[in-house]
mmCIF file of all heavy atoms, coordinates in Angstrom:
data_MODEL
# 
_entry.id   MODEL 
# 
loop_
_atom_site.group_PDB 
_atom_site.id 
_atom_site.type_symbol 
_atom_site.label_atom_id 
_atom_site.label_alt_id 
_atom_site.label_comp_id 
_atom_site.label_asym_id 
_atom_site.label_entity_id 
_atom_site.label_seq_id 
_atom_site.pdbx_PDB_ins_code 
_atom_site.Cartn_x 
_atom_site.Cartn_y 
_atom_site.Cartn_z 
_atom_site.occupancy 
_atom_site.B_iso_or_equiv 
_atom_site.pdbx_formal_charge 
_atom_site.auth_seq_id 
_atom_site.auth_comp_id 
_atom_site.auth_asym_id 
_atom_site.auth_atom_id 
_atom_site.pdbx_PDB_model_num 
ATOM 1   N N   . ALA A 1 1  ? 4.927   44.543 30.601 1.00 0.00 ? 1  ALA A N   1 
ATOM 2   C CA  . ALA A 1 1  ? 3.640   45.051 30.891 1.00 0.00 ? 1  ALA A CA  1 
ATOM 3   C C   . ALA A 1 1  ? 3.544   45.635 32.198 1.00 0.00 ? 1  ALA A C   1 
ATOM 4   O O   . ALA A 1 1  ? 2.927   46.688 32.321 1.00 0.00 ? 1  ALA A O   1 
ATOM 5   C CB  . ALA A 1 1  ? 2.562   43.849 30.717 1.00 0.00 ? 1  ALA A CB  1 
ATOM 6   N N   . TRP A 1 2  ? 4.120   44.962 33.221 1.00 0.00 ? 2  TRP A N   1 
ATOM 7   C CA  . TRP A 1 2  ? 4.139   45.536 34.578 1.00 0.00 ? 2  TRP A CA  1 
ATOM 8   C C   . TRP A 1 2  ? 4.835   46.942 34.550 1.00 0.00 ? 2  TRP A C   1 
ATOM 9   O O   . TRP A 1 2  ? 4.374   47.839 35.258 1.00 0.00 ? 2  TRP A O   1 
ATOM 10  C CB  . TRP A 1 2  ? 4.761   44.618 35.551 1.00 0.00 ? 2  TRP A CB  1 
ATOM 11  C CG  . TRP A 1 2  ? 4.015   43.291 35.670 1.00 0.00 ? 2  TRP A CG  1 
ATOM 12  C CD1 . TRP A 1 2  ? 4.012   42.286 34.779 1.00 0.00 ? 2  TRP A CD1 1 
ATOM 13  C CD2 . TRP A 1 2  ? 3.189   42.915 36.764 1.00 0.00 ? 2  TRP A CD2 1 
ATOM 14  N NE1 . TRP A 1 2  ? 3.236   41.281 35.254 1.00 0.00 ? 2  TRP A NE1 1 
ATOM 15  C CE2 . TRP A 1 2  ? 2.650   41.657 36.418 1.00 0.00 ? 2  TRP A CE2 1 
ATOM 16  C CE3 . TRP A 1 2  ? 2.748   43.531 37.966 1.00 0.00 ? 2  TRP A CE3 1 
ATOM 17  C CZ2 . TRP A 1 2  ? 1.869   40.942 37.291 1.00 0.00 ? 2  TRP A CZ2 1 
ATOM 18  C CZ3 . TRP A 1 2  ? 1.895   42.814 38.797 1.00 0.00 ? 2  TRP A CZ3 1 
ATOM 19  C CH2 . TRP A 1 2  ? 1.414   41.591 38.475 1.00 0.00 ? 2  TRP A CH2 1 
ATOM 20  N N   . ALA A 1 3  ? 6.041   46.979 34.022 1.00 0.00 ? 3  ALA A N   1 
ATOM 21  C CA  . ALA A 1 3  ? 6.797   48.215 34.000 1.00 0.00 ? 3  ALA A CA  1 
ATOM 22  C C   . ALA A 1 3  ? 6.064   49.271 33.290 1.00 0.00 ? 3  ALA A C   1 
ATOM 23  O O   . ALA A 1 3  ? 6.044   50.445 33.772 1.00 0.00 ? 3  ALA A O   1 
ATOM 24  C CB  . ALA A 1 3  ? 8.255   47.927 33.345 1.00 0.00 ? 3  ALA A CB  1 
ATOM 25  N N   . TYR A 1 4  ? 5.469   48.976 32.229 1.00 0.00 ? 4  TYR A N   1 
ATOM 26  C CA  . TYR A 1 4  ? 4.737   49.954 31.440 1.00 0.00 ? 4  TYR A CA  1 
ATOM 27  C C   . TYR A 1 4  ? 3.682   50.599 32.129 1.00 0.00 ? 4  TYR A C   1 
ATOM 28  O O   . TYR A 1 4  ? 3.635   51.809 32.239 1.00 0.00 ? 4  TYR A O   1 
ATOM 29  C CB  . TYR A 1 4  ? 4.215   49.261 30.180 1.00 0.00 ? 4  TYR A CB  1 
ATOM 30  C CG  . TYR A 1 4  ? 3.355   50.211 29.222 1.00 0.00 ? 4  TYR A CG  1 
ATOM 31  C CD1 . TYR A 1 4  ? 4.080   51.017 28.258 1.00 0.00 ? 4  TYR A CD1 1 
ATOM 32  C CD2 . TYR A 1 4  ? 2.064   50.223 29.249 1.00 0.00 ? 4  TYR A CD2 1 
ATOM 33  C CE1 . TYR A 1 4  ? 3.314   51.791 27.419 1.00 0.00 ? 4  TYR A CE1 1 
ATOM 34  C CE2 . TYR A 1 4  ? 1.261   51.104 28.331 1.00 0.00 ? 4  TYR A CE2 1 
ATOM 35  C CZ  . TYR A 1 4  ? 1.988   51.878 27.483 1.00 0.00 ? 4  TYR A CZ  1 
ATOM 36  O OH  . TYR A 1 4  ? 1.251   52.705 26.647 1.00 0.00 ? 4  TYR A OH  1 
ATOM 37  N N   . ILE A 1 5  ? 2.728   49.883 32.791 1.00 0.00 ? 5  ILE A N   1 
ATOM 38  C CA  . ILE A 1 5  ? 1.593   50.463 33.378 1.00 0.00 ? 5  ILE A CA  1 
ATOM 39  C C   . ILE A 1 5  ? 2.039   51.196 34.641 1.00 0.00 ? 5  ILE A C   1 
ATOM 40  O O   . ILE A 1 5  ? 1.427   52.294 35.000 1.00 0.00 ? 5  ILE A O   1 
ATOM 41  C CB  . ILE A 1 5  ? 0.445   49.463 33.684 1.00 0.00 ? 5  ILE A CB  1 
ATOM 42  C CG1 . ILE A 1 5  ? -0.818  50.209 34.018 1.00 0.00 ? 5  ILE A CG1 1 
ATOM 43  C CG2 . ILE A 1 5  ? 0.929   48.437 34.747 1.00 0.00 ? 5  ILE A CG2 1 
ATOM 44  C CD1 . ILE A 1 5  ? -2.089  49.242 34.010 1.00 0.00 ? 5  ILE A CD1 1 
ATOM 45  N N   . CYS A 1 6  ? 3.011   50.676 35.406 1.00 0.00 ? 6  CYS A N   1 
ATOM 46  C CA  . CYS A 1 6  ? 3.484   51.336 36.574 1.00 0.00 ? 6  CYS A CA  1 
ATOM 47  C C   . CYS A 1 6  ? 4.082   52.633 36.234 1.00 0.00 ? 6  CYS A C   1 
ATOM 48  O O   . CYS A 1 6  ? 3.816   53.658 36.929 1.00 0.00 ? 6  CYS A O   1 
ATOM 49  C CB  . CYS A 1 6  ? 4.515   50.471 37.310 1.00 0.00 ? 6  CYS A CB  1 
ATOM 50  S SG  . CYS A 1 6  ? 3.878   49.026 38.213 1.00 0.00 ? 6  CYS A SG  1 
ATOM 51  N N   . GLN A 1 7  ? 4.895   52.780 35.109 1.00 0.00 ? 7  GLN A N   1 
ATOM 52  C CA  . GLN A 1 7  ? 5.568   54.030 34.794 1.00 0.00 ? 7  GLN A CA  1 
ATOM 53  C C   . GLN A 1 7  ? 4.451   55.044 34.357 1.00 0.00 ? 7  GLN A C   1 
ATOM 54  O O   . GLN A 1 7  ? 4.528   56.227 34.673 1.00 0.00 ? 7  GLN A O   1 
ATOM 55  C CB  . GLN A 1 7  ? 6.527   53.739 33.736 1.00 0.00 ? 7  GLN A CB  1 
ATOM 56  C CG  . GLN A 1 7  ? 7.743   52.952 34.210 1.00 0.00 ? 7  GLN A CG  1 
ATOM 57  C CD  . GLN A 1 7  ? 8.586   52.509 33.033 1.00 0.00 ? 7  GLN A CD  1 
ATOM 58  O OE1 . GLN A 1 7  ? 8.493   52.853 31.859 1.00 0.00 ? 7  GLN A OE1 1 
ATOM 59  N NE2 . GLN A 1 7  ? 9.614   51.606 33.459 1.00 0.00 ? 7  GLN A NE2 1 
ATOM 60  N N   . LYS A 1 8  ? 3.517   54.496 33.589 1.00 0.00 ? 8  LYS A N   1 
ATOM 61  C CA  . LYS A 1 8  ? 2.463   55.537 33.096 1.00 0.00 ? 8  LYS A CA  1 
ATOM 62  C C   . LYS A 1 8  ? 1.578   56.068 34.051 1.00 0.00 ? 8  LYS A C   1 
ATOM 63  O O   . LYS A 1 8  ? 1.283   57.322 34.127 1.00 0.00 ? 8  LYS A O   1 
ATOM 64  C CB  . LYS A 1 8  ? 1.535   54.741 31.985 1.00 0.00 ? 8  LYS A CB  1 
ATOM 65  C CG  . LYS A 1 8  ? 2.241   54.454 30.749 1.00 0.00 ? 8  LYS A CG  1 
ATOM 66  C CD  . LYS A 1 8  ? 2.548   55.757 29.956 1.00 0.00 ? 8  LYS A CD  1 
ATOM 67  C CE  . LYS A 1 8  ? 3.194   55.418 28.555 1.00 0.00 ? 8  LYS A CE  1 
ATOM 68  N NZ  . LYS A 1 8  ? 3.445   56.670 27.845 1.00 0.00 ? 8  LYS A NZ  1 
ATOM 69  N N   . VAL A 1 9  ? 1.312   55.297 35.200 1.00 0.00 ? 9  VAL A N   1 
ATOM 70  C CA  . VAL A 1 9  ? 0.412   55.810 36.230 1.00 0.00 ? 9  VAL A CA  1 
ATOM 71  C C   . VAL A 1 9  ? 1.318   56.734 37.089 1.00 0.00 ? 9  VAL A C   1 
ATOM 72  O O   . VAL A 1 9  ? 0.817   57.830 37.513 1.00 0.00 ? 9  VAL A O   1 
ATOM 73  C CB  . VAL A 1 9  ? -0.110  54.637 37.084 1.00 0.00 ? 9  VAL A CB  1 
ATOM 74  C CG1 . VAL A 1 9  ? -0.796  55.217 38.312 1.00 0.00 ? 9  VAL A CG1 1 
ATOM 75  C CG2 . VAL A 1 9  ? -1.128  53.892 36.260 1.00 0.00 ? 9  VAL A CG2 1 
ATOM 76  N N   . GLN A 1 10 ? 2.520   56.406 37.286 1.00 0.00 ? 10 GLN A N   1 
ATOM 77  C CA  . GLN A 1 10 ? 3.488   57.236 38.084 1.00 0.00 ? 10 GLN A CA  1 
ATOM 78  C C   . GLN A 1 10 ? 3.633   58.583 37.437 1.00 0.00 ? 10 GLN A C   1 
ATOM 79  O O   . GLN A 1 10 ? 3.653   59.606 38.090 1.00 0.00 ? 10 GLN A O   1 
ATOM 80  C CB  . GLN A 1 10 ? 4.760   56.539 38.389 1.00 0.00 ? 10 GLN A CB  1 
ATOM 81  C CG  . GLN A 1 10 ? 5.581   57.171 39.377 1.00 0.00 ? 10 GLN A CG  1 
ATOM 82  C CD  . GLN A 1 10 ? 6.537   58.192 38.814 1.00 0.00 ? 10 GLN A CD  1 
ATOM 83  O OE1 . GLN A 1 10 ? 6.862   58.175 37.616 1.00 0.00 ? 10 GLN A OE1 1 
ATOM 84  N NE2 . GLN A 1 10 ? 6.974   59.164 39.614 1.00 0.00 ? 10 GLN A NE2 1 
ATOM 85  N N   . GLU A 1 11 ? 3.790   58.602 36.135 1.00 0.00 ? 11 GLU A N   1 
ATOM 86  C CA  . GLU A 1 11 ? 3.985   59.769 35.376 1.00 0.00 ? 11 GLU A CA  1 
ATOM 87  C C   . GLU A 1 11 ? 2.732   60.756 35.660 1.00 0.00 ? 11 GLU A C   1 
ATOM 88  O O   . GLU A 1 11 ? 2.955   61.974 35.738 1.00 0.00 ? 11 GLU A O   1 
ATOM 89  C CB  . GLU A 1 11 ? 4.147   59.595 33.839 1.00 0.00 ? 11 GLU A CB  1 
ATOM 90  C CG  . GLU A 1 11 ? 5.556   59.002 33.607 1.00 0.00 ? 11 GLU A CG  1 
ATOM 91  C CD  . GLU A 1 11 ? 5.646   58.566 32.097 1.00 0.00 ? 11 GLU A CD  1 
ATOM 92  O OE1 . GLU A 1 11 ? 4.654   58.821 31.302 1.00 0.00 ? 11 GLU A OE1 1 
ATOM 93  O OE2 . GLU A 1 11 ? 6.643   57.854 31.714 1.00 0.00 ? 11 GLU A OE2 1 
ATOM 94  N N   . CYS A 1 12 ? 1.492   60.092 35.481 1.00 0.00 ? 12 CYS A N   1 
ATOM 95  C CA  . CYS A 1 12 ? 0.315   60.980 35.684 1.00 0.00 ? 12 CYS A CA  1 
ATOM 96  C C   . CYS A 1 12 ? 0.240   61.457 37.114 1.00 0.00 ? 12 CYS A C   1 
ATOM 97  O O   . CYS A 1 12 ? -0.111  62.579 37.355 1.00 0.00 ? 12 CYS A O   1 
ATOM 98  C CB  . CYS A 1 12 ? -0.830  60.024 35.311 1.00 0.00 ? 12 CYS A CB  1 
ATOM 99  S SG  . CYS A 1 12 ? -2.451  60.889 35.509 1.00 0.00 ? 12 CYS A SG  1 
ATOM 100 N N   . GLN A 1 13 ? 0.528   60.570 38.016 1.00 0.00 ? 13 GLN A N   1 
ATOM 101 C CA  . GLN A 1 13 ? 0.440   60.945 39.517 1.00 0.00 ? 13 GLN A CA  1 
ATOM 102 C C   . GLN A 1 13 ? 1.386   62.152 39.713 1.00 0.00 ? 13 GLN A C   1 
ATOM 103 O O   . GLN A 1 13 ? 1.057   63.191 40.366 1.00 0.00 ? 13 GLN A O   1 
ATOM 104 C CB  . GLN A 1 13 ? 0.755   59.846 40.392 1.00 0.00 ? 13 GLN A CB  1 
ATOM 105 C CG  . GLN A 1 13 ? 0.643   60.078 41.894 1.00 0.00 ? 13 GLN A CG  1 
ATOM 106 C CD  . GLN A 1 13 ? 1.820   60.871 42.445 1.00 0.00 ? 13 GLN A CD  1 
ATOM 107 O OE1 . GLN A 1 13 ? 2.997   60.714 42.118 1.00 0.00 ? 13 GLN A OE1 1 
ATOM 108 N NE2 . GLN A 1 13 ? 1.562   61.762 43.509 1.00 0.00 ? 13 GLN A NE2 1 
ATOM 109 N N   . GLN A 1 14 ? 2.595   62.057 39.157 1.00 0.00 ? 14 GLN A N   1 
ATOM 110 C CA  . GLN A 1 14 ? 3.593   63.069 39.394 1.00 0.00 ? 14 GLN A CA  1 
ATOM 111 C C   . GLN A 1 14 ? 3.175   64.372 38.651 1.00 0.00 ? 14 GLN A C   1 
ATOM 112 O O   . GLN A 1 14 ? 3.369   65.505 39.178 1.00 0.00 ? 14 GLN A O   1 
ATOM 113 C CB  . GLN A 1 14 ? 4.946   62.575 38.934 1.00 0.00 ? 14 GLN A CB  1 
ATOM 114 C CG  . GLN A 1 14 ? 6.168   63.539 39.249 1.00 0.00 ? 14 GLN A CG  1 
ATOM 115 C CD  . GLN A 1 14 ? 7.397   62.887 38.895 1.00 0.00 ? 14 GLN A CD  1 
ATOM 116 O OE1 . GLN A 1 14 ? 7.702   62.631 37.613 1.00 0.00 ? 14 GLN A OE1 1 
ATOM 117 N NE2 . GLN A 1 14 ? 8.298   62.701 39.801 1.00 0.00 ? 14 GLN A NE2 1 
ATOM 118 N N   . THR A 1 15 ? 2.738   64.306 37.433 1.00 0.00 ? 15 THR A N   1 
ATOM 119 C CA  . THR A 1 15 ? 2.338   65.501 36.717 1.00 0.00 ? 15 THR A CA  1 
ATOM 120 C C   . THR A 1 15 ? 1.286   66.281 37.356 1.00 0.00 ? 15 THR A C   1 
ATOM 121 O O   . THR A 1 15 ? 1.305   67.571 37.359 1.00 0.00 ? 15 THR A O   1 
ATOM 122 C CB  . THR A 1 15 ? 1.936   64.977 35.265 1.00 0.00 ? 15 THR A CB  1 
ATOM 123 O OG1 . THR A 1 15 ? 3.027   64.378 34.685 1.00 0.00 ? 15 THR A OG1 1 
ATOM 124 C CG2 . THR A 1 15 ? 1.564   66.295 34.394 1.00 0.00 ? 15 THR A CG2 1 
ATOM 125 N N   . TYR A 1 16 ? 0.176   65.620 37.787 1.00 0.00 ? 16 TYR A N   1 
ATOM 126 C CA  . TYR A 1 16 ? -1.018  66.278 38.337 1.00 0.00 ? 16 TYR A CA  1 
ATOM 127 C C   . TYR A 1 16 ? -1.104  66.264 39.836 1.00 0.00 ? 16 TYR A C   1 
ATOM 128 O O   . TYR A 1 16 ? -1.977  66.855 40.443 1.00 0.00 ? 16 TYR A O   1 
ATOM 129 C CB  . TYR A 1 16 ? -2.247  65.703 37.655 1.00 0.00 ? 16 TYR A CB  1 
ATOM 130 C CG  . TYR A 1 16 ? -2.108  65.826 36.215 1.00 0.00 ? 16 TYR A CG  1 
ATOM 131 C CD1 . TYR A 1 16 ? -1.880  64.659 35.414 1.00 0.00 ? 16 TYR A CD1 1 
ATOM 132 C CD2 . TYR A 1 16 ? -2.311  67.059 35.509 1.00 0.00 ? 16 TYR A CD2 1 
ATOM 133 C CE1 . TYR A 1 16 ? -1.925  64.871 33.978 1.00 0.00 ? 16 TYR A CE1 1 
ATOM 134 C CE2 . TYR A 1 16 ? -2.265  67.179 34.231 1.00 0.00 ? 16 TYR A CE2 1 
ATOM 135 C CZ  . TYR A 1 16 ? -2.076  66.074 33.374 1.00 0.00 ? 16 TYR A CZ  1 
ATOM 136 O OH  . TYR A 1 16 ? -2.013  66.243 32.028 1.00 0.00 ? 16 TYR A OH  1 
ATOM 137 N N   . ASN A 1 17 ? -0.207  65.451 40.524 1.00 0.00 ? 17 ASN A N   1 
ATOM 138 C CA  . ASN A 1 17 ? -0.170  65.473 42.023 1.00 0.00 ? 17 ASN A CA  1 
ATOM 139 C C   . ASN A 1 17 ? -1.408  64.776 42.555 1.00 0.00 ? 17 ASN A C   1 
ATOM 140 O O   . ASN A 1 17 ? -1.985  65.257 43.600 1.00 0.00 ? 17 ASN A O   1 
ATOM 141 C CB  . ASN A 1 17 ? -0.074  66.876 42.577 1.00 0.00 ? 17 ASN A CB  1 
ATOM 142 C CG  . ASN A 1 17 ? 0.496   66.952 43.976 1.00 0.00 ? 17 ASN A CG  1 
ATOM 143 O OD1 . ASN A 1 17 ? 1.129   65.991 44.442 1.00 0.00 ? 17 ASN A OD1 1 
ATOM 144 N ND2 . ASN A 1 17 ? 0.139   68.013 44.648 1.00 0.00 ? 17 ASN A ND2 1 
ATOM 145 N N   . PHE A 1 18 ? -1.874  63.686 42.053 1.00 0.00 ? 18 PHE A N   1 
ATOM 146 C CA  . PHE A 1 18 ? -2.965  62.940 42.595 1.00 0.00 ? 18 PHE A CA  1 
ATOM 147 C C   . PHE A 1 18 ? -2.447  62.234 43.956 1.00 0.00 ? 18 PHE A C   1 
ATOM 148 O O   . PHE A 1 18 ? -1.308  61.883 44.165 1.00 0.00 ? 18 PHE A O   1 
ATOM 149 C CB  . PHE A 1 18 ? -3.385  61.825 41.619 1.00 0.00 ? 18 PHE A CB  1 
ATOM 150 C CG  . PHE A 1 18 ? -4.227  62.289 40.527 1.00 0.00 ? 18 PHE A CG  1 
ATOM 151 C CD1 . PHE A 1 18 ? -3.755  62.496 39.278 1.00 0.00 ? 18 PHE A CD1 1 
ATOM 152 C CD2 . PHE A 1 18 ? -5.566  62.626 40.870 1.00 0.00 ? 18 PHE A CD2 1 
ATOM 153 C CE1 . PHE A 1 18 ? -4.587  62.970 38.247 1.00 0.00 ? 18 PHE A CE1 1 
ATOM 154 C CE2 . PHE A 1 18 ? -6.421  63.074 39.802 1.00 0.00 ? 18 PHE A CE2 1 
ATOM 155 C CZ  . PHE A 1 18 ? -5.909  63.267 38.550 1.00 0.00 ? 18 PHE A CZ  1 
ATOM 156 N N   . ASP A 1 19 ? -3.481  62.099 44.777 1.00 0.00 ? 19 ASP A N   1 
ATOM 157 C CA  . ASP A 1 19 ? -3.197  61.524 46.150 1.00 0.00 ? 19 ASP A CA  1 
ATOM 158 C C   . ASP A 1 19 ? -3.445  60.109 46.372 1.00 0.00 ? 19 ASP A C   1 
ATOM 159 O O   . ASP A 1 19 ? -2.968  59.481 47.300 1.00 0.00 ? 19 ASP A O   1 
ATOM 160 C CB  . ASP A 1 19 ? -4.071  62.336 47.193 1.00 0.00 ? 19 ASP A CB  1 
ATOM 161 C CG  . ASP A 1 19 ? -3.796  63.840 47.155 1.00 0.00 ? 19 ASP A CG  1 
ATOM 162 O OD1 . ASP A 1 19 ? -2.610  64.272 47.402 1.00 0.00 ? 19 ASP A OD1 1 
ATOM 163 O OD2 . ASP A 1 19 ? -4.729  64.625 46.777 1.00 0.00 ? 19 ASP A OD2 1 
ATOM 164 N N   . PHE A 1 20 ? -4.419  59.592 45.598 1.00 0.00 ? 20 PHE A N   1 
ATOM 165 C CA  . PHE A 1 20 ? -4.800  58.205 45.652 1.00 0.00 ? 20 PHE A CA  1 
ATOM 166 C C   . PHE A 1 20 ? -5.301  57.658 44.371 1.00 0.00 ? 20 PHE A C   1 
ATOM 167 O O   . PHE A 1 20 ? -5.482  58.461 43.496 1.00 0.00 ? 20 PHE A O   1 
ATOM 168 C CB  . PHE A 1 20 ? -5.733  57.993 46.837 1.00 0.00 ? 20 PHE A CB  1 
ATOM 169 C CG  . PHE A 1 20 ? -7.159  58.544 46.548 1.00 0.00 ? 20 PHE A CG  1 
ATOM 170 C CD1 . PHE A 1 20 ? -8.133  57.696 45.971 1.00 0.00 ? 20 PHE A CD1 1 
ATOM 171 C CD2 . PHE A 1 20 ? -7.406  59.830 46.870 1.00 0.00 ? 20 PHE A CD2 1 
ATOM 172 C CE1 . PHE A 1 20 ? -9.425  58.335 45.761 1.00 0.00 ? 20 PHE A CE1 1 
ATOM 173 C CE2 . PHE A 1 20 ? -8.731  60.369 46.742 1.00 0.00 ? 20 PHE A CE2 1 
ATOM 174 C CZ  . PHE A 1 20 ? -9.677  59.583 46.162 1.00 0.00 ? 20 PHE A CZ  1 
ATOM 175 N N   . MET A 1 21 ? -5.367  56.371 44.231 1.00 0.00 ? 21 MET A N   1 
ATOM 176 C CA  . MET A 1 21 ? -5.923  55.695 43.083 1.00 0.00 ? 21 MET A CA  1 
ATOM 177 C C   . MET A 1 21 ? -7.117  54.900 43.548 1.00 0.00 ? 21 MET A C   1 
ATOM 178 O O   . MET A 1 21 ? -7.114  54.239 44.559 1.00 0.00 ? 21 MET A O   1 
ATOM 179 C CB  . MET A 1 21 ? -4.971  54.900 42.359 1.00 0.00 ? 21 MET A CB  1 
ATOM 180 C CG  . MET A 1 21 ? -4.461  53.661 43.108 1.00 0.00 ? 21 MET A CG  1 
ATOM 181 S SD  . MET A 1 21 ? -3.340  52.630 42.117 1.00 0.00 ? 21 MET A SD  1 
ATOM 182 C CE  . MET A 1 21 ? -3.207  51.158 43.055 1.00 0.00 ? 21 MET A CE  1 
ATOM 183 N N   . ARG A 1 22 ? -8.144  54.912 42.663 1.00 0.00 ? 22 ARG A N   1 
ATOM 184 C CA  . ARG A 1 22 ? -9.302  53.998 42.797 1.00 0.00 ? 22 ARG A CA  1 
ATOM 185 C C   . ARG A 1 22 ? -8.898  52.899 41.864 1.00 0.00 ? 22 ARG A C   1 
ATOM 186 O O   . ARG A 1 22 ? -8.856  53.047 40.571 1.00 0.00 ? 22 ARG A O   1 
ATOM 187 C CB  . ARG A 1 22 ? -10.572 54.642 42.417 1.00 0.00 ? 22 ARG A CB  1 
ATOM 188 C CG  . ARG A 1 22 ? -11.816 53.861 42.592 1.00 0.00 ? 22 ARG A CG  1 
ATOM 189 C CD  . ARG A 1 22 ? -12.182 53.288 41.239 1.00 0.00 ? 22 ARG A CD  1 
ATOM 190 N NE  . ARG A 1 22 ? -13.614 52.720 41.249 1.00 0.00 ? 22 ARG A NE  1 
ATOM 191 C CZ  . ARG A 1 22 ? -14.044 52.060 40.228 1.00 0.00 ? 22 ARG A CZ  1 
ATOM 192 N NH1 . ARG A 1 22 ? -13.405 51.922 39.068 1.00 0.00 ? 22 ARG A NH1 1 
ATOM 193 N NH2 . ARG A 1 22 ? -15.207 51.581 40.217 1.00 0.00 ? 22 ARG A NH2 1 
ATOM 194 N N   . GLY A 1 23 ? -8.580  51.702 42.330 1.00 0.00 ? 23 GLY A N   1 
ATOM 195 C CA  . GLY A 1 23 ? -8.175  50.572 41.516 1.00 0.00 ? 23 GLY A CA  1 
ATOM 196 C C   . GLY A 1 23 ? -9.372  49.820 40.936 1.00 0.00 ? 23 GLY A C   1 
ATOM 197 O O   . GLY A 1 23 ? -10.100 49.237 41.663 1.00 0.00 ? 23 GLY A O   1 
ATOM 198 N N   . ASP A 1 24 ? -9.572  50.029 39.617 1.00 0.00 ? 24 ASP A N   1 
ATOM 199 C CA  . ASP A 1 24 ? -10.727 49.521 38.955 1.00 0.00 ? 24 ASP A CA  1 
ATOM 200 C C   . ASP A 1 24 ? -10.609 47.928 38.966 1.00 0.00 ? 24 ASP A C   1 
ATOM 201 O O   . ASP A 1 24 ? -9.405  47.392 38.665 1.00 0.00 ? 24 ASP A O   1 
ATOM 202 C CB  . ASP A 1 24 ? -10.884 49.978 37.542 1.00 0.00 ? 24 ASP A CB  1 
ATOM 203 C CG  . ASP A 1 24 ? -12.090 49.633 36.866 1.00 0.00 ? 24 ASP A CG  1 
ATOM 204 O OD1 . ASP A 1 24 ? -13.177 49.742 37.493 1.00 0.00 ? 24 ASP A OD1 1 
ATOM 205 O OD2 . ASP A 1 24 ? -12.130 49.100 35.704 1.00 0.00 ? 24 ASP A OD2 1 
ATOM 206 N N   . MET A 1 25 ? -11.633 47.236 39.237 1.00 0.00 ? 25 MET A N   1 
ATOM 207 C CA  . MET A 1 25 ? -11.693 45.744 39.229 1.00 0.00 ? 25 MET A CA  1 
ATOM 208 C C   . MET A 1 25 ? -10.593 45.181 40.003 1.00 0.00 ? 25 MET A C   1 
ATOM 209 O O   . MET A 1 25 ? -9.975  44.156 39.727 1.00 0.00 ? 25 MET A O   1 
ATOM 210 C CB  . MET A 1 25 ? -11.586 45.231 37.709 1.00 0.00 ? 25 MET A CB  1 
ATOM 211 C CG  . MET A 1 25 ? -12.649 45.802 36.797 1.00 0.00 ? 25 MET A CG  1 
ATOM 212 S SD  . MET A 1 25 ? -12.730 44.892 35.254 1.00 0.00 ? 25 MET A SD  1 
ATOM 213 C CE  . MET A 1 25 ? -13.649 43.388 35.707 1.00 0.00 ? 25 MET A CE  1 
ATOM 214 N N   . ALA A 1 26 ? -10.496 45.693 41.176 1.00 0.00 ? 26 ALA A N   1 
ATOM 215 C CA  . ALA A 1 26 ? -9.514  45.203 42.173 1.00 0.00 ? 26 ALA A CA  1 
ATOM 216 C C   . ALA A 1 26 ? -9.885  43.817 42.742 1.00 0.00 ? 26 ALA A C   1 
ATOM 217 O O   . ALA A 1 26 ? -8.964  43.208 43.332 1.00 0.00 ? 26 ALA A O   1 
ATOM 218 C CB  . ALA A 1 26 ? -9.386  46.244 43.357 1.00 0.00 ? 26 ALA A CB  1 
ATOM 219 N N   . HIS A 1 27 ? -11.098 43.413 42.540 1.00 0.00 ? 27 HIS A N   1 
ATOM 220 C CA  . HIS A 1 27 ? -11.522 42.059 42.972 1.00 0.00 ? 27 HIS A CA  1 
ATOM 221 C C   . HIS A 1 27 ? -10.977 40.889 42.119 1.00 0.00 ? 27 HIS A C   1 
ATOM 222 O O   . HIS A 1 27 ? -11.063 39.765 42.454 1.00 0.00 ? 27 HIS A O   1 
ATOM 223 C CB  . HIS A 1 27 ? -13.088 42.014 43.005 1.00 0.00 ? 27 HIS A CB  1 
ATOM 224 C CG  . HIS A 1 27 ? -13.735 42.460 41.729 1.00 0.00 ? 27 HIS A CG  1 
ATOM 225 N ND1 . HIS A 1 27 ? -13.704 41.760 40.513 1.00 0.00 ? 27 HIS A ND1 1 
ATOM 226 C CD2 . HIS A 1 27 ? -14.453 43.553 41.490 1.00 0.00 ? 27 HIS A CD2 1 
ATOM 227 C CE1 . HIS A 1 27 ? -14.345 42.406 39.648 1.00 0.00 ? 27 HIS A CE1 1 
ATOM 228 N NE2 . HIS A 1 27 ? -14.805 43.537 40.106 1.00 0.00 ? 27 HIS A NE2 1 
# 
C-alpha cells in the first residue's frame, strides 16, 4: 500500500511537474 501510493503520486508529479502537495487529512 505504501509503495503503491508513493509511486502513483510520484508519477503524477513527474508527468505534470507539480511543486508541492497539499496533504489531505494530515492531522
